[in-house]
Protein backbone atom coordinates (compact mmCIF):
# COMPACT_ATOMS: atom_id res chain seq x y z
CA MET A 1 -232.33 -24.81 -3.02
CA ASN A 2 -231.21 -26.79 -6.00
CA ILE A 3 -227.16 -26.35 -7.42
CA SER A 4 -225.09 -27.27 -10.25
CA VAL A 5 -221.34 -28.12 -9.52
CA ASP A 6 -218.93 -28.36 -12.26
CA LEU A 7 -215.85 -30.41 -11.02
CA THR A 8 -212.40 -30.95 -12.47
CA LEU A 9 -210.36 -33.20 -10.61
CA SER A 10 -206.36 -33.42 -11.31
CA PRO A 11 -204.12 -35.78 -9.44
CA LEU A 12 -200.60 -34.80 -9.87
CA GLN A 13 -199.03 -38.22 -10.55
CA ASP A 14 -198.31 -40.34 -13.50
CA ASP A 15 -201.58 -42.77 -13.19
CA TYR A 16 -203.98 -39.76 -12.69
CA GLU A 17 -206.51 -41.59 -15.22
CA GLU A 18 -207.15 -43.97 -12.93
CA HIS A 19 -208.15 -41.77 -9.81
CA VAL A 20 -210.04 -39.69 -12.19
CA ILE A 21 -212.26 -42.60 -13.06
CA ASN A 22 -212.47 -44.09 -9.86
CA PHE A 23 -213.86 -40.35 -8.80
CA ILE A 24 -216.21 -40.06 -11.69
CA LYS A 25 -217.61 -43.74 -10.96
CA HIS A 26 -218.18 -42.51 -7.73
CA LEU A 27 -220.25 -39.78 -8.76
CA ARG A 28 -222.11 -41.77 -11.13
CA ALA A 29 -223.08 -44.35 -8.12
CA SER A 30 -225.00 -41.57 -6.37
CA GLU A 31 -228.58 -40.38 -6.39
CA PHE A 32 -227.73 -37.38 -8.05
CA LYS A 33 -227.64 -36.16 -12.05
CA VAL A 34 -224.34 -36.51 -13.58
CA LEU A 35 -223.07 -35.39 -16.74
CA GLU A 36 -219.46 -35.13 -18.09
CA ASN A 37 -217.56 -33.68 -20.72
CA PRO A 38 -213.89 -34.24 -21.91
CA LEU A 39 -212.83 -31.52 -19.40
CA SER A 40 -215.01 -31.61 -16.41
CA THR A 41 -218.07 -33.31 -14.84
CA GLN A 42 -220.97 -31.78 -13.66
CA ILE A 43 -223.26 -32.81 -10.72
CA TYR A 44 -226.76 -31.59 -9.79
CA GLY A 45 -228.80 -31.44 -6.71
CA ASP A 46 -230.37 -29.95 -3.53
CA TYR A 47 -227.55 -27.95 -1.90
CA ASP A 48 -228.22 -29.52 1.47
CA SER A 49 -227.96 -33.24 0.23
CA LEU A 50 -225.28 -32.50 -2.64
CA MET A 51 -222.38 -30.65 -0.54
CA PRO A 52 -222.15 -33.21 2.40
CA PHE A 53 -221.75 -36.07 -0.62
CA LEU A 54 -219.19 -34.03 -2.48
CA THR A 55 -217.40 -33.34 0.93
CA GLN A 56 -217.10 -37.15 1.49
CA GLU A 57 -215.95 -37.95 -1.93
CA ILE A 58 -213.58 -35.27 -2.43
CA LYS A 59 -212.00 -36.53 1.14
CA ARG A 60 -212.10 -40.31 -0.14
CA SER A 61 -210.33 -39.11 -3.61
CA PHE A 62 -207.82 -37.31 -1.82
CA ALA A 63 -206.85 -39.98 0.35
CA GLU A 64 -205.89 -42.07 -2.42
CA VAL A 65 -203.05 -39.69 -4.00
CA ASP A 66 -200.27 -37.81 -2.60
CA ILE A 67 -201.12 -34.39 -4.59
CA SER A 68 -204.24 -33.67 -6.09
CA VAL A 69 -205.83 -30.27 -7.47
CA LEU A 70 -209.84 -30.09 -7.42
CA GLN A 71 -211.44 -27.07 -9.35
CA MET A 72 -214.88 -26.64 -8.38
CA LYS A 73 -217.69 -24.22 -9.46
CA ILE A 74 -221.15 -23.89 -8.25
CA VAL A 75 -224.01 -22.25 -9.52
CA LYS A 76 -227.06 -21.63 -7.45
CA THR A 77 -229.69 -23.28 -9.97
CA ASP A 78 -230.17 -26.50 -11.86
CA ARG A 79 -228.83 -25.87 -15.07
CA SER A 80 -228.80 -29.89 -15.99
CA ASP A 81 -231.49 -29.55 -19.04
CA TYR A 82 -229.10 -26.37 -20.66
CA GLU A 83 -228.76 -26.59 -24.31
CA PRO A 84 -226.94 -24.26 -26.37
CA ASN A 85 -228.74 -22.41 -28.85
CA PHE A 86 -226.16 -21.36 -31.47
């Protein structure tokens, strides 16, 4: 089953940008399709492959900071080709 995951990482410290950039770079280096916008990053793929990868990357990211918030939305379909029609 394909899924779309919307991620927003918010490290609660002064040098947050460095941690967000590192997180996105690790996502980009994966086998999955990754799209970004100014507010969040979307990653797309097969549920059984993508979720263990995300678990690993979230844990890695959390280990680098004292306090961090991650918002995640999961949609049960691949929305990577979505284009607004308005």
